[in-house]
Amino acid sequence: MAKVEDKIKSPQEQKRRTIKQYLAYAGENISIHGLSHVFDKRENFICRTVWLLITIAAFGYAVQKVYESTLNYFSYPFSTARMKIHVNQMDFPAVSFCNLNDFRYSATKGTKLDKAILSNDKKSISGEEYLNITLKARHKIEEMLVDCEFDGNKCSVHNFTEFNWNQGELCFTFNSGKFPHSLLKVNGVGMKRSLVLTINVQHYEYYGDELDAGIHLILHDQEETPIKKRGPVIPPGFTTYIQVEKKTILNLESPYKTKCGSIKLKYFDSYSMHTCWLEQLTDHVYKICKCKDFFMPGEIKVCSFEVLENCTWKEWAKFDNYKLHTCPLPCKIDSYEMSLSRALFPTARYASSLANRFRKLPHVLNTVKSISNDLLFMRENLLRVVIYYNDLSYELLEQKPNYDTLVWLGDVGGQIGLFVGAGVMSYFEIIDCLVLIIYTRFFQKFKTINSIRNHSL
């Protein structure tokens, strides 16, 4: 036996040799399909090359599918589930109405506002004068409400609350649910469980060249103040029957496309897109004009008529045209769909009895000296609405994610498993190999050694 001494091996050569051994071992033993054939030295060169091409193609296709699945995941798709929910009792909607006319003629005629409108002289009215005249000239619920009945029981003006509509029109809400009014419910359907309102639109009080007479009626949720919402126009001279169907919509928060939510408001207790719009409009107008219109919220001085025309209303138009408000969609929305039908109101005999009541009202006598034609007068001024549920049920539309994290992981795992044959344990095998290579390459210390070969003589 003789010993033959080889050349001295450097630490770098030892590292390369060790890393090569790790890669060879991983290639032969890793559980990813195809790699074992690529690294199997018992296979000939052609077979290993074919297996390499097959493995690369399968891996590339798997990467493409994983990429598509990931894009789909980050688009946050959702579906909407629709169902009918039957209940024993339902909240009655909040019912709001606004007169189509802004100012009562009797309260506006001869005032500074009247003279300014007729002479087109806006400089003569201060903000305080404009506020006082406007508040006095608006229609009053005490004069408009002729009769009220809910669920067979009498109601009155004390069951109504007030709010200012889109451009300052005074609106009245029945069943607002706001203190001191409790939320009203019904446990039956049809006209016997309805809200019946007889309203005097005061057509004889319309100011200026108003084209239409009547009210616009809004059905809404108690949490919502419908400042920008407009319902159907109800004309005088008819009984309008309104069959109501409730719909509840549940939206998804960000990052889904609906991006529902709410923001804290300074001037309102509860959030809605309408109150959010009005608050941001008020802040925008105040920032530019240093004042506000009379119906806008906050302890801010009211603009003079001249500033309203030259600044406030122009900034308002710019605010809406450029959509300068950022108000998220609520996560829960209760909406009410209406089906309307009409009948002539009142009948000739009923008009006579109503006329006798009207002749005793001071606000009518002061404006209309004589009612020569009872039926014509009633049909020009009175309307009746009957609002009711057709059944005790509501439609629920709920948005649900249809590609969440678990589904995405299952999809990605299925694609990789199908085309590459890799599972979770395969990833740990790759990580283990990488850790060994990094440790060997950067941290492990090797000493220079002599390589010895043994030869038999």
Protein backbone atom coordinates (compact mmCIF):
# COMPACT_ATOMS: atom_id res chain seq x y z
CA MET A 1 0.00 0.00 0.00
CA ALA A 2 1.37 3.39 -0.92
CA LYS A 3 0.13 6.90 -0.11
CA VAL A 4 -0.04 9.46 -2.91
CA GLU A 5 -0.54 13.07 -1.85
CA ASP A 6 -2.89 15.25 -3.96
CA LYS A 7 -2.81 19.05 -4.25
CA ILE A 8 -3.96 21.12 -1.30
CA LYS A 9 -7.73 22.01 -1.32
CA SER A 10 -8.64 25.65 -0.51
CA PRO A 11 -11.69 26.65 1.65
CA GLN A 12 -13.43 28.07 -1.46
CA GLU A 13 -13.16 24.73 -3.24
CA GLN A 14 -14.53 22.95 -0.18
CA LYS A 15 -17.52 25.33 -0.07
CA ARG A 16 -18.30 24.78 -3.74
CA ARG A 17 -18.05 21.04 -3.31
CA THR A 18 -20.33 21.05 -0.24
CA ILE A 19 -22.93 23.26 -1.94
CA LYS A 20 -22.87 21.00 -4.99
CA GLN A 21 -23.52 18.03 -2.71
CA TYR A 22 -26.53 19.80 -1.12
CA LEU A 23 -28.00 20.62 -4.54
CA ALA A 24 -27.47 17.09 -5.80
CA TYR A 25 -29.10 15.63 -2.71
CA ALA A 26 -32.05 18.05 -2.94
CA GLY A 27 -32.49 17.33 -6.63
CA GLU A 28 -32.60 13.58 -6.08
CA ASN A 29 -34.80 13.60 -2.98
CA ILE A 30 -37.10 16.68 -3.17
CA SER A 31 -40.80 15.86 -3.62
CA ILE A 32 -41.34 18.15 -6.63
CA HIS A 33 -42.18 16.01 -9.65
CA GLY A 34 -39.60 16.03 -12.42
CA LEU A 35 -36.61 17.40 -10.51
CA SER A 36 -35.54 13.94 -9.35
CA HIS A 37 -35.29 12.86 -13.01
CA VAL A 38 -33.33 15.99 -13.94
CA PHE A 39 -30.71 15.37 -11.25
CA ASP A 40 -30.62 11.57 -11.56
CA LYS A 41 -27.13 10.78 -12.93
CA ARG A 42 -28.24 7.28 -13.81
CA GLU A 43 -30.39 8.78 -16.58
CA ASN A 44 -28.73 9.59 -19.91
CA PHE A 45 -28.29 13.20 -21.05
CA ILE A 46 -31.24 13.18 -23.46
CA CYS A 47 -33.70 11.91 -20.85
CA ARG A 48 -32.53 14.45 -18.29
CA THR A 49 -32.84 17.23 -20.89
CA VAL A 50 -36.39 16.18 -21.78
CA TRP A 51 -37.35 16.08 -18.11
CA LEU A 52 -35.80 19.55 -17.63
CA LEU A 53 -37.90 21.00 -20.46
CA ILE A 54 -41.06 19.35 -19.15
CA THR A 55 -40.39 20.65 -15.62
CA ILE A 56 -39.71 24.22 -16.85
CA ALA A 57 -42.91 24.21 -18.97
CA ALA A 58 -45.03 22.89 -16.10
CA PHE A 59 -43.48 25.38 -13.67
CA GLY A 60 -44.06 28.29 -16.10
CA TYR A 61 -47.71 27.37 -16.62
CA ALA A 62 -48.21 27.02 -12.86
CA VAL A 63 -46.67 30.49 -12.33
CA GLN A 64 -49.08 31.95 -14.90
CA LYS A 65 -52.10 30.40 -13.17
CA VAL A 66 -50.90 31.55 -9.75
CA TYR A 67 -50.47 35.07 -11.16
CA GLU A 68 -54.04 35.04 -12.56
CA SER A 69 -55.43 33.75 -9.26
CA THR A 70 -53.55 36.43 -7.34
CA LEU A 71 -54.86 39.19 -9.64
CA ASN A 72 -58.37 37.86 -9.11
CA TYR A 73 -57.86 37.80 -5.35
CA PHE A 74 -56.68 41.41 -5.21
CA SER A 75 -59.62 42.58 -7.32
CA TYR A 76 -61.75 41.57 -4.28
CA PRO A 77 -64.73 40.10 -6.16
CA PHE A 78 -68.02 39.60 -4.38
CA SER A 79 -71.46 38.25 -5.08
CA THR A 80 -74.85 39.45 -3.89
CA ALA A 81 -77.18 37.06 -2.13
CA ARG A 82 -80.88 37.89 -2.50
CA MET A 83 -83.49 36.49 -0.14
CA LYS A 84 -86.99 37.21 1.14
CA ILE A 85 -87.32 37.56 4.92
CA HIS A 86 -90.76 37.16 6.53
CA VAL A 87 -91.37 38.72 9.95
CA ASN A 88 -94.26 39.18 12.38
CA GLN A 89 -93.72 42.90 12.83
CA MET A 90 -92.08 45.61 10.75
CA ASP A 91 -90.81 49.11 11.38
CA PHE A 92 -92.94 51.64 9.55
CA PRO A 93 -90.82 53.90 7.33
CA ALA A 94 -90.19 57.53 8.06
CA VAL A 95 -92.54 59.53 5.82
CA SER A 96 -91.39 62.99 4.76
CA PHE A 97 -93.08 65.52 2.51
CA CYS A 98 -92.07 68.94 1.20
CA ASN A 99 -94.22 71.54 -0.52
CA LEU A 100 -93.18 72.32 -4.08
CA ASN A 101 -93.54 76.01 -3.25
CA ASP A 102 -90.84 77.79 -1.22
CA PHE A 103 -92.49 80.93 0.17
CA ARG A 104 -96.07 81.72 1.11
CA TYR A 105 -97.35 84.67 -0.86
CA SER A 106 -99.12 86.30 2.09
CA ALA A 107 -95.95 86.22 4.22
CA THR A 108 -93.63 87.42 1.42
CA LYS A 109 -95.64 90.14 -0.32
CA GLY A 110 -94.39 93.64 0.51
CA THR A 111 -91.27 92.48 2.35
CA LYS A 112 -87.73 93.52 1.49
CA LEU A 113 -87.19 90.11 -0.07
CA ASP A 114 -90.21 90.60 -2.32
CA LYS A 115 -89.03 94.04 -3.42
CA ALA A 116 -85.48 92.78 -4.00
CA ILE A 117 -86.73 89.94 -6.21
CA LEU A 118 -89.01 92.27 -8.20
CA SER A 119 -86.38 95.03 -8.61
CA ASN A 120 -83.40 92.67 -8.89
CA ASP A 121 -81.70 94.71 -6.16
CA LYS A 122 -79.85 92.19 -3.99
CA LYS A 123 -77.77 94.68 -2.00
CA SER A 124 -80.62 95.92 0.16
CA ILE A 125 -81.06 92.71 2.20
CA SER A 126 -78.70 91.69 4.97
CA GLY A 127 -78.15 88.11 6.02
CA GLU A 128 -80.27 88.53 9.15
CA GLU A 129 -83.17 90.07 7.21
CA TYR A 130 -83.00 87.31 4.63
CA LEU A 131 -83.07 84.70 7.42
CA ASN A 132 -86.03 86.25 9.28
CA ILE A 133 -88.18 86.74 6.16
CA THR A 134 -87.45 83.24 4.88
CA LEU A 135 -88.27 81.50 8.15
CA LYS A 136 -91.60 83.33 8.43
CA ALA A 137 -92.56 82.80 4.80
CA ARG A 138 -92.18 79.02 4.66
CA HIS A 139 -95.20 76.71 4.83
CA LYS A 140 -96.20 75.52 8.30
CA ILE A 141 -97.30 72.04 9.27
CA GLU A 142 -100.11 73.51 11.39
CA GLU A 143 -101.66 75.03 8.25
CA MET A 144 -100.93 72.13 5.88
CA LEU A 145 -102.03 69.10 7.89
CA VAL A 146 -105.80 68.65 7.59
CA ASP A 147 -106.11 65.10 8.88
CA CYS A 148 -103.77 62.33 10.10
CA GLU A 149 -104.41 58.71 11.04
CA PHE A 150 -101.98 55.86 11.68
CA ASP A 151 -102.95 52.23 12.26
CA GLY A 152 -106.52 53.31 13.03
CA ASN A 153 -105.49 55.97 15.57
CA LYS A 154 -105.54 59.73 15.19
CA CYS A 155 -102.25 61.61 14.91
CA SER A 156 -101.47 65.32 14.78
CA VAL A 157 -98.80 67.93 14.06
CA HIS A 158 -97.05 66.81 17.26
CA ASN A 159 -96.11 63.54 15.53
CA PHE A 160 -94.01 65.39 12.96
CA THR A 161 -90.45 66.69 13.00
CA GLU A 162 -88.88 69.21 10.63
CA PHE A 163 -85.76 69.30 8.47
CA ASN A 164 -84.44 71.49 5.67
CA TRP A 165 -84.34 69.94 2.23
CA ASN A 166 -81.80 70.37 -0.58
CA GLN A 167 -82.27 74.12 -1.12
CA GLY A 168 -83.76 75.11 2.18
CA GLU A 169 -87.34 73.98 1.65
CA LEU A 170 -88.98 73.08 4.94
CA CYS A 171 -89.98 69.42 5.09
CA PHE A 172 -91.97 67.47 7.66
CA THR A 173 -91.37 63.87 8.79
CA PHE A 174 -93.81 61.46 10.36
CA ASN A 175 -92.26 58.61 12.40
CA SER A 176 -88.76 60.11 12.46
CA GLY A 177 -87.92 58.00 15.52
CA LYS A 178 -86.14 61.00 17.01
CA PHE A 179 -86.72 62.12 20.57
CA PRO A 180 -89.39 62.46 21.86
CA HIS A 181 -91.01 60.33 19.13
CA SER A 182 -90.83 56.56 19.49
CA LEU A 183 -90.35 54.31 16.47
CA LEU A 184 -93.72 53.11 15.16
CA LYS A 185 -94.24 49.53 13.99
CA VAL A 186 -97.04 47.57 12.33
CA ASN A 187 -97.99 43.94 12.80
CA GLY A 188 -100.52 43.81 9.99
CA VAL A 189 -100.84 44.77 6.34
CA GLY A 190 -103.24 46.55 4.04
CA MET A 191 -105.07 49.87 4.25
CA LYS A 192 -106.39 49.19 7.76
CA ARG A 193 -102.79 49.31 9.05
CA SER A 194 -101.80 52.36 7.04
CA LEU A 195 -100.81 55.98 7.45
CA VAL A 196 -103.47 58.31 6.03
CA LEU A 197 -102.62 61.97 5.52
CA THR A 198 -104.83 64.73 4.17
CA ILE A 199 -102.68 67.72 3.26
CA ASN A 200 -103.48 71.25 2.14
CA VAL A 201 -100.74 72.27 -0.32
CA GLN A 202 -101.96 75.90 -0.02
CA HIS A 203 -101.98 76.46 -3.75
CA TYR A 204 -103.59 79.84 -3.11
CA GLU A 205 -100.40 80.82 -1.27
CA TYR A 206 -97.93 80.00 -4.05
CA TYR A 207 -95.45 82.76 -4.70
CA GLY A 208 -94.23 83.80 -8.13
CA ASP A 209 -94.52 81.71 -11.26
CA GLU A 210 -94.43 78.23 -9.73
CA LEU A 211 -95.51 75.81 -12.47
CA ASP A 212 -96.62 72.83 -10.37
CA ALA A 213 -98.65 72.38 -7.21
CA GLY A 214 -98.29 69.52 -4.78
CA ILE A 215 -95.71 67.85 -2.56
CA HIS A 216 -92.85 65.47 -3.11
CA LEU A 217 -93.06 62.48 -0.81
CA ILE A 218 -90.03 60.62 0.55
CA LEU A 219 -90.00 57.27 2.33
CA HIS A 220 -86.74 56.59 4.12
CA ASP A 221 -85.02 54.95 7.05
CA GLN A 222 -85.07 56.66 10.44
CA GLU A 223 -81.25 56.95 10.41
CA GLU A 224 -81.36 58.94 7.20
CA THR A 225 -82.14 62.62 6.76
CA PRO A 226 -83.08 62.74 3.05
CA ILE A 227 -81.66 66.17 2.28
CA LYS A 228 -80.94 65.38 -1.37
CA LYS A 229 -83.45 62.60 -1.94
CA ARG A 230 -86.56 63.31 -3.98
CA GLY A 231 -89.61 61.10 -4.02
CA PRO A 232 -92.64 61.04 -6.32
CA VAL A 233 -94.63 64.23 -6.75
CA ILE A 234 -98.13 63.95 -5.29
CA PRO A 235 -100.62 66.40 -6.87
CA PRO A 236 -103.73 67.82 -5.20
CA GLY A 237 -107.14 66.56 -6.27
CA PHE A 238 -106.36 62.87 -5.75
CA THR A 239 -106.10 60.15 -3.15
CA THR A 240 -102.76 58.47 -3.83
CA TYR A 241 -102.47 54.89 -2.61
CA ILE A 242 -98.86 53.89 -1.96
CA GLN A 243 -97.99 50.23 -1.51
CA VAL A 244 -94.58 49.90 0.13
CA GLU A 245 -91.94 47.18 -0.17
CA LYS A 246 -88.88 47.33 2.05
CA LYS A 247 -85.41 46.42 0.84
CA THR A 248 -82.32 46.08 3.05
CA ILE A 249 -78.87 46.22 1.44
CA LEU A 250 -75.73 45.10 3.30
CA ASN A 251 -72.54 46.41 1.63
CA LEU A 252 -68.92 45.39 2.12
CA GLU A 253 -66.21 47.61 3.52
CA SER A 254 -62.90 48.45 1.84
CA PRO A 255 -60.98 46.93 0.05
CA TYR A 256 -64.14 45.79 -1.76
CA LYS A 257 -65.43 48.13 -4.46
CA THR A 258 -68.39 49.41 -2.47
CA LYS A 259 -66.00 50.71 0.24
CA CYS A 260 -68.88 51.23 2.62
CA GLY A 261 -68.49 52.96 5.96
CA SER A 262 -69.17 56.22 7.70
CA ILE A 263 -67.31 59.24 8.94
CA LYS A 264 -67.89 61.29 12.07
CA LEU A 265 -69.94 64.40 11.40
CA LYS A 266 -69.65 67.68 13.26
CA TYR A 267 -73.20 68.93 12.87
CA PHE A 268 -75.28 65.71 12.82
CA ASP A 269 -75.70 62.86 15.30
CA SER A 270 -76.11 60.08 12.74
CA TYR A 271 -74.32 59.52 9.44
CA SER A 272 -75.91 59.41 6.01
CA MET A 273 -74.58 60.37 2.61
CA HIS A 274 -77.01 63.30 2.53
CA THR A 275 -75.98 64.82 5.85
CA CYS A 276 -72.33 64.23 4.96
CA TRP A 277 -72.85 66.10 1.67
CA LEU A 278 -74.51 69.05 3.43
CA GLU A 279 -71.79 69.28 6.07
CA GLN A 280 -68.98 69.27 3.53
CA LEU A 281 -70.86 71.77 1.35
CA THR A 282 -71.22 74.06 4.36
CA ASP A 283 -67.49 73.87 5.13
CA HIS A 284 -66.63 74.53 1.47
CA VAL A 285 -68.94 77.56 1.22
CA TYR A 286 -67.74 78.99 4.53
CA LYS A 287 -64.09 78.60 3.53
CA ILE A 288 -64.63 80.69 0.38
CA CYS A 289 -67.47 83.06 1.28
CA LYS A 290 -67.03 83.28 5.08
CA CYS A 291 -70.77 82.74 5.58
CA LYS A 292 -73.53 80.23 4.73
CA ASP A 293 -77.07 79.89 3.44
CA PHE A 294 -79.74 79.97 6.12
CA PHE A 295 -80.51 76.22 6.15
CA MET A 296 -76.89 75.06 6.40
CA PRO A 297 -75.80 73.69 9.81
CA GLY A 298 -73.36 75.25 12.28
CA GLU A 299 -73.03 78.49 14.21
CA ILE A 300 -72.02 80.50 11.16
CA LYS A 301 -73.46 83.84 10.09
CA VAL A 302 -75.92 83.85 7.20
CA CYS A 303 -74.75 85.51 3.98
CA SER A 304 -76.40 88.64 2.69
CA PHE A 305 -78.53 88.25 -0.42
CA GLU A 306 -75.79 89.81 -2.52
CA VAL A 307 -73.10 87.40 -1.25
CA LEU A 308 -75.47 84.47 -1.74
CA GLU A 309 -75.87 85.32 -5.41
CA ASN A 310 -72.26 86.30 -6.15
CA CYS A 311 -70.41 83.72 -4.05
CA THR A 312 -72.41 81.10 -2.11
CA TRP A 313 -74.60 79.74 -4.87
CA LYS A 314 -71.73 79.79 -7.40
CA GLU A 315 -69.47 77.85 -5.03
CA TRP A 316 -72.34 75.46 -4.37
CA ALA A 317 -72.64 74.76 -8.11
CA LYS A 318 -68.88 74.26 -8.35
CA PHE A 319 -68.96 71.91 -5.33
CA ASP A 320 -71.55 69.69 -7.01
CA ASN A 321 -70.18 69.89 -10.56
CA TYR A 322 -66.66 68.89 -9.51
CA LYS A 323 -67.92 66.39 -6.89
CA LEU A 324 -65.79 67.86 -4.12
CA HIS A 325 -67.53 65.80 -1.42
CA THR A 326 -66.19 62.44 -0.22
CA CYS A 327 -68.98 60.58 1.50
CA PRO A 328 -68.78 56.76 1.72
CA LEU A 329 -71.76 54.54 1.06
CA PRO A 330 -73.36 53.27 4.31
CA CYS A 331 -72.80 49.59 5.08
CA LYS A 332 -76.51 49.13 5.74
CA ILE A 333 -79.17 50.79 3.61
CA ASP A 334 -82.92 50.46 4.15
CA SER A 335 -84.80 51.61 1.06
CA TYR A 336 -88.49 51.58 0.21
CA GLU A 337 -89.97 50.90 -3.20
CA MET A 338 -93.39 52.39 -3.90
CA SER A 339 -96.25 51.33 -6.17
CA LEU A 340 -98.70 54.20 -6.72
CA SER A 341 -102.33 54.32 -7.78
CA ARG A 342 -104.77 57.24 -7.66
CA ALA A 343 -108.42 58.08 -7.25
CA LEU A 344 -110.15 61.45 -7.55
CA PHE A 345 -110.38 63.37 -4.26
CA PRO A 346 -112.56 64.73 -2.80
CA THR A 347 -116.03 63.80 -3.93
CA ALA A 348 -118.51 66.65 -4.43
CA ARG A 349 -120.39 65.87 -1.20
CA TYR A 350 -117.23 65.53 0.89
CA ALA A 351 -115.90 68.78 -0.60
CA SER A 352 -118.86 70.69 0.82
CA SER A 353 -118.26 69.46 4.36
CA LEU A 354 -114.54 70.23 4.08
CA ALA A 355 -115.28 73.71 2.78
CA ASN A 356 -117.27 74.48 5.91
CA ARG A 357 -114.23 73.56 8.00
CA PHE A 358 -111.94 75.66 5.84
CA ARG A 359 -114.07 78.78 6.04
CA LYS A 360 -113.40 78.85 9.78
CA LEU A 361 -109.60 78.75 9.44
CA PRO A 362 -107.97 82.20 9.80
CA HIS A 363 -105.04 81.48 7.45
CA VAL A 364 -107.50 80.55 4.70
CA LEU A 365 -109.91 83.43 5.24
CA ASN A 366 -107.11 86.01 5.23
CA THR A 367 -105.91 84.80 1.85
CA VAL A 368 -109.06 83.56 0.12
CA LYS A 369 -111.90 85.99 0.74
CA SER A 370 -114.57 83.68 -0.57
CA ILE A 371 -114.69 80.07 -1.68
CA SER A 372 -117.24 80.30 -4.45
CA ASN A 373 -116.73 76.78 -5.76
CA ASP A 374 -116.14 74.27 -2.98
CA LEU A 375 -115.21 71.35 -5.19
CA LEU A 376 -112.79 73.32 -7.36
CA PHE A 377 -111.10 74.86 -4.33
CA MET A 378 -110.62 71.48 -2.62
CA ARG A 379 -109.26 69.77 -5.71
CA GLU A 380 -106.76 72.59 -6.29
CA ASN A 381 -105.48 72.48 -2.72
CA LEU A 382 -106.13 69.15 -1.00
CA LEU A 383 -104.47 65.78 -1.47
CA ARG A 384 -104.75 62.54 0.42
CA VAL A 385 -102.13 59.78 0.69
CA VAL A 386 -102.59 56.25 2.03
CA ILE A 387 -99.32 54.42 2.78
CA TYR A 388 -99.26 50.73 3.69
CA TYR A 389 -97.32 47.45 3.48
CA ASN A 390 -98.65 44.73 1.23
CA ASP A 391 -97.06 41.97 3.34
CA LEU A 392 -94.85 41.60 6.38
CA SER A 393 -91.62 40.80 4.60
CA TYR A 394 -88.59 42.55 3.21
CA GLU A 395 -85.99 41.75 0.61
CA LEU A 396 -82.42 41.32 1.84
CA LEU A 397 -79.52 41.91 -0.53
CA GLU A 398 -76.24 40.97 1.12
CA GLN A 399 -72.82 41.28 -0.46
CA LYS A 400 -70.52 38.36 0.31
CA PRO A 401 -66.87 37.81 -0.69
CA ASN A 402 -66.63 34.97 -3.18
CA TYR A 403 -62.83 34.74 -3.33
CA ASP A 404 -61.42 35.12 0.16
CA THR A 405 -57.95 34.22 1.45
CA LEU A 406 -58.66 30.52 2.09
CA VAL A 407 -60.15 30.07 -1.38
CA TRP A 408 -57.15 31.84 -2.92
CA LEU A 409 -54.68 29.64 -1.01
CA GLY A 410 -56.58 26.54 -2.07
CA ASP A 411 -56.57 27.71 -5.69
CA VAL A 412 -52.84 28.50 -5.68
CA GLY A 413 -52.02 25.22 -3.94
CA GLY A 414 -54.14 23.28 -6.40
CA GLN A 415 -52.46 24.89 -9.43
CA ILE A 416 -48.96 24.24 -8.11
CA GLY A 417 -49.85 20.71 -7.02
CA LEU A 418 -51.46 19.91 -10.37
CA PHE A 419 -48.66 21.14 -12.64
CA VAL A 420 -45.55 20.91 -10.47
CA GLY A 421 -46.54 18.31 -7.89
CA ALA A 422 -45.37 20.50 -5.00
CA GLY A 423 -47.00 20.68 -1.62
CA VAL A 424 -46.31 22.59 1.57
CA MET A 425 -43.61 20.10 2.61
CA SER A 426 -41.87 20.71 -0.74
CA TYR A 427 -41.51 24.37 0.16
CA PHE A 428 -39.86 23.45 3.46
CA GLU A 429 -37.48 21.14 1.62
CA ILE A 430 -36.47 24.01 -0.69
CA ILE A 431 -36.10 26.38 2.26
CA ASP A 432 -33.98 23.81 4.10
CA CYS A 433 -31.67 23.47 1.08
CA LEU A 434 -31.40 27.26 0.70
CA VAL A 435 -30.57 27.69 4.38
CA LEU A 436 -27.79 25.10 4.16
CA ILE A 437 -26.36 26.72 1.02
CA ILE A 438 -26.42 30.23 2.56
CA TYR A 439 -24.84 28.97 5.76
CA THR A 440 -22.12 27.12 3.85
CA ARG A 441 -21.46 30.04 1.54
CA PHE A 442 -21.28 32.86 4.08
CA PHE A 443 -20.89 31.51 7.60
CA GLN A 444 -19.23 28.05 7.71
CA LYS A 445 -15.44 28.03 8.25
CA PHE A 446 -13.21 25.65 6.27
CA LYS A 447 -9.52 24.93 6.82
CA THR A 448 -7.00 24.18 4.14
CA ILE A 449 -6.45 20.40 4.04
CA ASN A 450 -4.35 17.91 2.08
CA SER A 451 -6.28 15.49 -0.03
CA ILE A 452 -4.93 11.92 0.31
CA ARG A 453 -5.51 9.08 -2.12
CA ASN A 454 -4.86 5.41 -1.26
CA HIS A 455 -3.46 3.15 -4.00
CA SER A 456 -2.81 -0.58 -3.65
CA LEU A 457 0.48 -1.82 -4.95
